[in-house]
Amino acid sequence: RSSTMIAVLIAHSATVISPGSKVLVVGSGPVCLCAAKLAAVRGFSTTCLVPPGDCELGPGLVSEGGDLGSLPLTFMPVAGPEASEEAIEAAAASAEGLILAIDNEGAFGKPVLETFLQPSSALKRVAVMSRYLNGEGMGFFASAAKTAANKDVWAANAQAVASYKAMEAEVARMSGAAGVEWTVIRAGTLKGGGSGCSGEEGDERSGEPSLLTPAFYELGQQDIVNWRLLYDCSALKVKLVRGDTLPGPGFTAALTATDKVGAGDSHRGAVAAALVEALRSPDAANRDYSVAAEEGREFPGEKEWSHLFEAAH
């Protein structure tokens, strides 16, 4: 039995993606751009394949002033006049790690997945963002809060849930056929994602400098008080659990739709980091995890993330 266990451990360790390996991040929106930044910060040679608008915004959201310096990150358009089918195919064929993440409620369809989950590629690990799909804490209150207070509230509408379930099934099937290990990272309502006040001298509120730059707070609808910045200073603690067991916001949805931390919340930075860390976690192979935000001013470091995956149950 012990020799079998050793063989299993060796097999798992052989599929972990190491710094310096090529990672392809595919998707759109801030959660995708944040995952690409964190992958590069962790030392992966990262290509971020996103729509042209995200290619334009990406450098400024990753690095203040848009200068990437020595960060091993390249942005590549997935469509438009600058897109290259050959370059996309080459990036897909050479990547050892693949991250799939869409910030809105879009799921990847079968044709797109077939492009990136090729049996003949170098791919070893794939991490895909999905959602809480169990239906708990959803319904009228969540839908009302989504309409009235925050369009990003995850209310688990039936069509979106069906699309995510189909995507997860295809990822597992194609990964099995390609000899690739997969991880599903589940998010609820995506909030925050920027560096908070971490770069502002004299500001006692905290933040996490490895996340998106303050340019993130200029995106979308602007409020008198930028609640996303406040959230990024106070909701940095992460809860990671195995499976699809976490509830949505329930009847408190309207009260916790913006700056307050509530049930069903997932910090964008935490979801992005979980996607990246899953590529190099032996524990994460062929499993799904749910990410929840909690009140706290310290974001997990590399060692803490490793422990979160080990301890999740």
Protein backbone atom coordinates (compact mmCIF):
# COMPACT_ATOMS: atom_id res chain seq x y z
CA ARG A 1 0.00 0.00 0.00
CA SER A 2 2.80 2.43 0.88
CA SER A 3 4.45 1.96 -2.53
CA THR A 4 1.11 2.70 -4.21
CA MET A 5 0.73 5.87 -2.16
CA ILE A 6 4.25 6.97 -3.10
CA ALA A 7 3.49 6.35 -6.76
CA VAL A 8 0.35 8.45 -6.50
CA LEU A 9 2.23 11.26 -4.79
CA ILE A 10 4.93 11.20 -7.46
CA ALA A 11 2.28 11.27 -10.17
CA HIS A 12 0.63 14.27 -8.56
CA SER A 13 3.88 16.16 -8.05
CA ALA A 14 4.81 15.57 -11.70
CA THR A 15 1.75 17.51 -12.86
CA VAL A 16 2.22 20.57 -10.68
CA ILE A 17 3.10 23.66 -12.70
CA SER A 18 6.34 25.31 -11.60
CA PRO A 19 7.44 28.96 -11.89
CA GLY A 20 8.94 29.59 -15.31
CA SER A 21 6.35 27.37 -17.00
CA LYS A 22 4.11 28.85 -19.65
CA VAL A 23 0.59 29.71 -18.51
CA LEU A 24 -2.23 30.86 -20.78
CA VAL A 25 -5.01 32.94 -19.22
CA VAL A 26 -8.17 33.15 -21.35
CA GLY A 27 -11.34 35.12 -20.68
CA SER A 28 -12.38 38.71 -20.09
CA GLY A 29 -12.85 41.37 -17.45
CA PRO A 30 -11.04 42.30 -14.23
CA VAL A 31 -11.00 38.81 -12.67
CA CYS A 32 -9.22 37.47 -15.77
CA LEU A 33 -6.73 40.35 -15.86
CA CYS A 34 -6.07 39.93 -12.15
CA ALA A 35 -5.40 36.21 -12.61
CA ALA A 36 -2.94 37.02 -15.40
CA LYS A 37 -1.12 39.54 -13.20
CA LEU A 38 -0.89 37.13 -10.26
CA ALA A 39 0.32 34.31 -12.51
CA ALA A 40 3.11 36.56 -13.76
CA VAL A 41 3.91 37.75 -10.22
CA ARG A 42 4.24 34.09 -9.20
CA GLY A 43 6.87 33.67 -11.92
CA PHE A 44 4.89 31.96 -14.66
CA SER A 45 5.58 33.03 -18.25
CA THR A 46 2.07 34.32 -18.82
CA THR A 47 0.05 35.10 -21.94
CA CYS A 48 -3.32 36.77 -21.42
CA LEU A 49 -5.73 36.13 -24.29
CA VAL A 50 -8.60 38.61 -24.00
CA PRO A 51 -10.84 40.88 -26.12
CA PRO A 52 -9.17 43.97 -27.67
CA GLY A 53 -10.66 46.30 -25.05
CA ASP A 54 -9.06 44.28 -22.25
CA CYS A 55 -5.75 44.25 -24.13
CA GLU A 56 -5.90 48.04 -24.13
CA LEU A 57 -6.86 48.32 -20.45
CA GLY A 58 -4.71 45.44 -19.22
CA PRO A 59 -1.26 47.05 -18.87
CA GLY A 60 -2.65 50.00 -16.88
CA LEU A 61 -4.60 47.69 -14.56
CA VAL A 62 -1.57 45.46 -13.99
CA SER A 63 1.07 48.15 -13.50
CA GLU A 64 0.66 51.85 -12.70
CA GLY A 65 1.53 53.76 -15.86
CA GLY A 66 1.15 50.61 -17.94
CA ASP A 67 4.87 49.71 -17.90
CA LEU A 68 5.11 45.96 -17.26
CA GLY A 69 8.87 46.11 -16.82
CA SER A 70 10.29 42.65 -16.15
CA LEU A 71 6.91 41.10 -15.37
CA PRO A 72 6.63 37.99 -17.61
CA LEU A 73 3.22 38.95 -19.04
CA THR A 74 2.05 39.42 -22.62
CA PHE A 75 -1.41 40.54 -23.72
CA MET A 76 -2.83 38.98 -26.87
CA PRO A 77 -6.15 39.92 -28.56
CA VAL A 78 -8.59 37.07 -29.15
CA ALA A 79 -10.42 38.99 -31.88
CA GLY A 80 -10.13 42.09 -34.06
CA PRO A 81 -7.58 43.17 -36.70
CA GLU A 82 -4.60 42.53 -34.43
CA ALA A 83 -5.62 38.95 -33.60
CA SER A 84 -3.48 36.15 -35.03
CA GLU A 85 -4.91 32.65 -35.30
CA GLU A 86 -1.40 31.22 -35.58
CA ALA A 87 -0.22 33.03 -32.45
CA ILE A 88 -3.28 31.88 -30.50
CA GLU A 89 -2.78 28.26 -31.59
CA ALA A 90 0.93 28.43 -30.71
CA ALA A 91 0.15 29.84 -27.26
CA ALA A 92 -2.43 27.10 -26.66
CA ALA A 93 -0.07 24.34 -27.82
CA SER A 94 2.86 25.44 -25.63
CA ALA A 95 1.06 26.28 -22.38
CA GLU A 96 1.52 23.88 -19.44
CA GLY A 97 -1.11 25.70 -17.37
CA LEU A 98 -4.45 27.09 -18.51
CA ILE A 99 -6.73 29.49 -16.61
CA LEU A 100 -10.25 30.18 -17.89
CA ALA A 101 -12.11 33.10 -16.28
CA ILE A 102 -14.91 35.39 -17.43
CA ASP A 103 -15.90 38.25 -15.13
CA ASN A 104 -19.52 38.48 -16.21
CA GLU A 105 -21.95 35.54 -16.22
CA GLY A 106 -20.64 34.02 -19.44
CA ALA A 107 -19.44 30.42 -19.56
CA PHE A 108 -17.05 28.90 -22.08
CA GLY A 109 -18.78 26.82 -24.76
CA LYS A 110 -17.58 23.55 -26.22
CA PRO A 111 -15.93 25.02 -29.38
CA VAL A 112 -13.77 27.37 -27.30
CA LEU A 113 -12.81 24.64 -24.84
CA GLU A 114 -11.82 22.36 -27.71
CA THR A 115 -9.36 25.03 -28.88
CA PHE A 116 -7.47 25.05 -25.60
CA LEU A 117 -7.87 21.51 -24.23
CA GLN A 118 -6.01 19.67 -26.97
CA PRO A 119 -4.63 16.16 -26.31
CA SER A 120 -1.54 16.97 -28.39
CA SER A 121 -0.59 20.10 -26.42
CA ALA A 122 1.90 20.56 -23.55
CA LEU A 123 -0.97 21.18 -21.13
CA LYS A 124 -0.81 19.64 -17.64
CA ARG A 125 -3.26 21.59 -15.50
CA VAL A 126 -6.38 23.68 -16.13
CA ALA A 127 -8.22 25.90 -13.64
CA VAL A 128 -11.64 27.24 -14.61
CA MET A 129 -13.82 29.79 -12.87
CA SER A 130 -17.43 28.74 -12.33
CA ARG A 131 -20.09 29.82 -9.84
CA TYR A 132 -22.02 28.68 -6.79
CA LEU A 133 -24.62 26.48 -8.50
CA ASN A 134 -26.40 24.80 -5.55
CA GLY A 135 -29.20 27.39 -5.46
CA GLU A 136 -29.12 28.07 -1.72
CA GLY A 137 -29.66 31.71 -0.74
CA MET A 138 -30.71 32.74 -4.23
CA GLY A 139 -34.21 33.56 -5.51
CA PHE A 140 -36.21 36.79 -5.19
CA PHE A 141 -33.98 38.78 -2.81
CA ALA A 142 -30.79 38.12 -4.76
CA SER A 143 -32.48 38.94 -8.08
CA ALA A 144 -33.94 42.17 -6.66
CA ALA A 145 -30.54 43.28 -5.31
CA LYS A 146 -28.97 42.53 -8.71
CA THR A 147 -31.51 44.78 -10.42
CA ALA A 148 -31.58 47.60 -7.88
CA ALA A 149 -28.15 47.76 -6.25
CA ASN A 150 -25.35 45.89 -8.03
CA LYS A 151 -25.50 44.18 -11.42
CA ASP A 152 -22.65 41.88 -10.37
CA VAL A 153 -24.76 40.17 -7.68
CA TRP A 154 -24.80 36.45 -8.52
CA ALA A 155 -28.45 35.39 -8.46
CA ALA A 156 -28.05 31.97 -10.16
CA ASN A 157 -30.54 32.41 -12.97
CA ALA A 158 -31.47 29.10 -14.57
CA GLN A 159 -29.90 29.75 -17.97
CA ALA A 160 -26.55 30.77 -16.49
CA VAL A 161 -26.53 27.79 -14.11
CA ALA A 162 -27.18 25.40 -17.01
CA SER A 163 -24.33 26.96 -19.02
CA TYR A 164 -21.87 26.65 -16.14
CA LYS A 165 -22.85 23.03 -15.49
CA ALA A 166 -22.36 22.19 -19.17
CA MET A 167 -18.97 23.92 -19.16
CA GLU A 168 -17.79 22.03 -16.07
CA ALA A 169 -18.83 18.70 -17.60
CA GLU A 170 -16.96 19.47 -20.83
CA VAL A 171 -13.83 20.60 -18.96
CA ALA A 172 -13.77 17.34 -16.97
CA ARG A 173 -14.42 15.21 -20.06
CA MET A 174 -11.87 16.94 -22.30
CA SER A 175 -9.26 17.07 -19.53
CA GLY A 176 -9.65 13.33 -19.00
CA ALA A 177 -9.22 12.68 -22.72
CA ALA A 178 -6.13 14.89 -22.85
CA GLY A 179 -4.52 13.50 -19.67
CA VAL A 180 -4.88 16.89 -17.98
CA GLU A 181 -5.85 17.55 -14.36
CA TRP A 182 -8.57 20.14 -13.79
CA THR A 183 -9.78 22.36 -10.96
CA VAL A 184 -13.04 24.28 -10.75
CA ILE A 185 -12.95 27.48 -8.66
CA ARG A 186 -16.46 28.65 -7.73
CA ALA A 187 -17.35 32.30 -7.18
CA GLY A 188 -20.47 33.96 -5.88
CA THR A 189 -20.92 37.72 -6.28
CA LEU A 190 -17.61 39.13 -7.52
CA LYS A 191 -16.57 42.25 -5.62
CA GLY A 192 -13.44 44.35 -5.44
CA GLY A 193 -10.17 43.35 -7.08
CA GLY A 194 -7.97 46.41 -6.76
CA SER A 195 -5.05 47.24 -4.51
CA GLY A 196 -7.11 49.35 -2.12
CA CYS A 197 -5.12 52.03 -0.33
CA SER A 198 -1.92 50.00 -0.15
CA GLY A 199 -0.02 52.45 -2.34
CA GLU A 200 -1.21 55.66 -0.71
CA GLU A 201 1.22 57.19 1.74
CA GLY A 202 -0.26 58.03 5.11
CA ASP A 203 -3.47 56.09 4.56
CA GLU A 204 -3.99 53.71 7.46
CA ARG A 205 -6.53 51.57 5.59
CA SER A 206 -5.02 48.44 4.13
CA GLY A 207 -5.05 46.77 0.76
CA GLU A 208 -3.16 44.20 -1.28
CA PRO A 209 -0.54 45.66 -3.65
CA SER A 210 -0.36 42.51 -5.84
CA LEU A 211 -3.94 43.07 -7.10
CA LEU A 212 -5.09 45.48 -9.83
CA THR A 213 -3.91 49.10 -9.78
CA PRO A 214 -6.14 52.02 -8.66
CA ALA A 215 -7.14 52.43 -12.32
CA PHE A 216 -9.58 49.62 -11.54
CA TYR A 217 -11.68 52.05 -9.49
CA GLU A 218 -12.23 54.24 -12.58
CA LEU A 219 -14.03 51.46 -14.44
CA GLY A 220 -17.81 51.28 -14.67
CA GLN A 221 -20.32 53.30 -12.71
CA GLN A 222 -18.76 55.80 -10.32
CA ASP A 223 -20.23 56.49 -6.89
CA ILE A 224 -19.51 59.46 -4.61
CA VAL A 225 -17.76 57.03 -2.28
CA ASN A 226 -15.98 54.27 -4.18
CA TRP A 227 -17.32 51.26 -2.34
CA ARG A 228 -15.04 48.90 -4.27
CA LEU A 229 -12.00 50.62 -2.77
CA LEU A 230 -13.49 50.34 0.72
CA TYR A 231 -14.20 46.66 0.09
CA ASP A 232 -10.62 46.08 -1.05
CA CYS A 233 -9.37 47.45 2.26
CA SER A 234 -11.59 45.36 4.51
CA ALA A 235 -12.57 42.07 2.80
CA LEU A 236 -9.20 40.43 2.18
CA LYS A 237 -9.61 37.32 4.31
CA VAL A 238 -10.42 34.18 2.28
CA LYS A 239 -12.53 31.13 3.00
CA LEU A 240 -11.92 28.14 0.71
CA VAL A 241 -14.11 25.04 0.92
CA ARG A 242 -14.36 21.86 -1.12
CA GLY A 243 -17.39 21.36 -3.33
CA ASP A 244 -20.40 23.53 -4.11
CA THR A 245 -21.81 24.11 -0.64
CA LEU A 246 -21.74 27.88 -0.02
CA PRO A 247 -24.99 29.90 -0.05
CA GLY A 248 -25.90 33.07 -1.87
CA PRO A 249 -26.89 36.34 -0.13
CA GLY A 250 -30.45 35.31 0.75
CA PHE A 251 -32.75 37.90 2.31
CA THR A 252 -29.79 40.16 3.25
CA ALA A 253 -28.88 40.63 -0.44
CA ALA A 254 -29.89 44.30 -0.64
CA LEU A 255 -27.96 45.16 2.56
CA THR A 256 -24.73 43.51 1.40
CA ALA A 257 -24.88 44.25 -2.34
CA THR A 258 -21.97 46.71 -2.30
CA ASP A 259 -19.34 47.57 0.34
CA LYS A 260 -20.52 45.30 3.16
CA VAL A 261 -19.20 41.72 3.26
CA GLY A 262 -22.09 39.30 3.04
CA ALA A 263 -23.01 35.71 2.29
CA GLY A 264 -22.41 34.86 -1.34
CA ASP A 265 -19.47 37.30 -1.74
CA SER A 266 -16.23 36.35 -3.46
CA HIS A 267 -13.35 38.81 -3.68
CA ARG A 268 -12.08 39.03 -7.27
CA GLY A 269 -8.49 38.94 -6.07
CA ALA A 270 -9.15 35.78 -4.06
CA VAL A 271 -10.83 34.05 -7.01
CA ALA A 272 -7.96 35.07 -9.30
CA ALA A 273 -5.36 33.88 -6.79
CA ALA A 274 -7.18 30.57 -6.26
CA LEU A 275 -7.15 29.95 -10.03
CA VAL A 276 -3.39 30.56 -10.13
CA GLU A 277 -2.55 28.59 -7.00
CA ALA A 278 -4.68 25.63 -8.15
CA LEU A 279 -2.21 25.07 -11.00
CA ARG A 280 0.53 24.20 -8.54
CA SER A 281 -1.46 22.55 -5.76
CA PRO A 282 -1.38 18.73 -5.72
CA ASP A 283 -4.50 18.80 -3.54
CA ALA A 284 -6.48 20.71 -6.16
CA ALA A 285 -6.26 18.09 -8.91
CA ASN A 286 -9.68 17.04 -10.26
CA ARG A 287 -11.62 18.82 -7.50
CA ASP A 288 -13.88 21.83 -7.16
CA TYR A 289 -13.63 24.56 -4.53
CA SER A 290 -15.78 27.52 -3.53
CA VAL A 291 -14.24 30.89 -2.61
CA ALA A 292 -15.88 33.24 -0.10
CA ALA A 293 -14.85 36.67 1.13
CA GLU A 294 -14.53 37.41 4.84
CA GLU A 295 -13.73 40.55 6.77
CA GLY A 296 -9.99 40.98 7.23
CA ARG A 297 -7.10 43.21 6.21
CA GLU A 298 -4.53 40.55 5.33
CA PHE A 299 -4.57 38.77 1.97
CA PRO A 300 -3.16 35.20 1.94
CA GLY A 301 0.42 34.80 0.79
CA GLU A 302 1.84 31.84 -1.14
CA LYS A 303 2.25 29.61 1.92
CA GLU A 304 -1.22 30.49 3.19
CA TRP A 305 -2.77 29.57 -0.16
CA SER A 306 -1.03 26.20 -0.09
CA HIS A 307 -2.45 25.59 3.37
CA LEU A 308 -5.94 26.72 2.29
CA PHE A 309 -6.02 24.03 -0.41
CA GLU A 310 -4.60 21.39 1.93
CA ALA A 311 -7.09 22.20 4.68
CA ALA A 312 -10.21 22.64 2.54
CA HIS A 313 -12.91 20.08 3.20
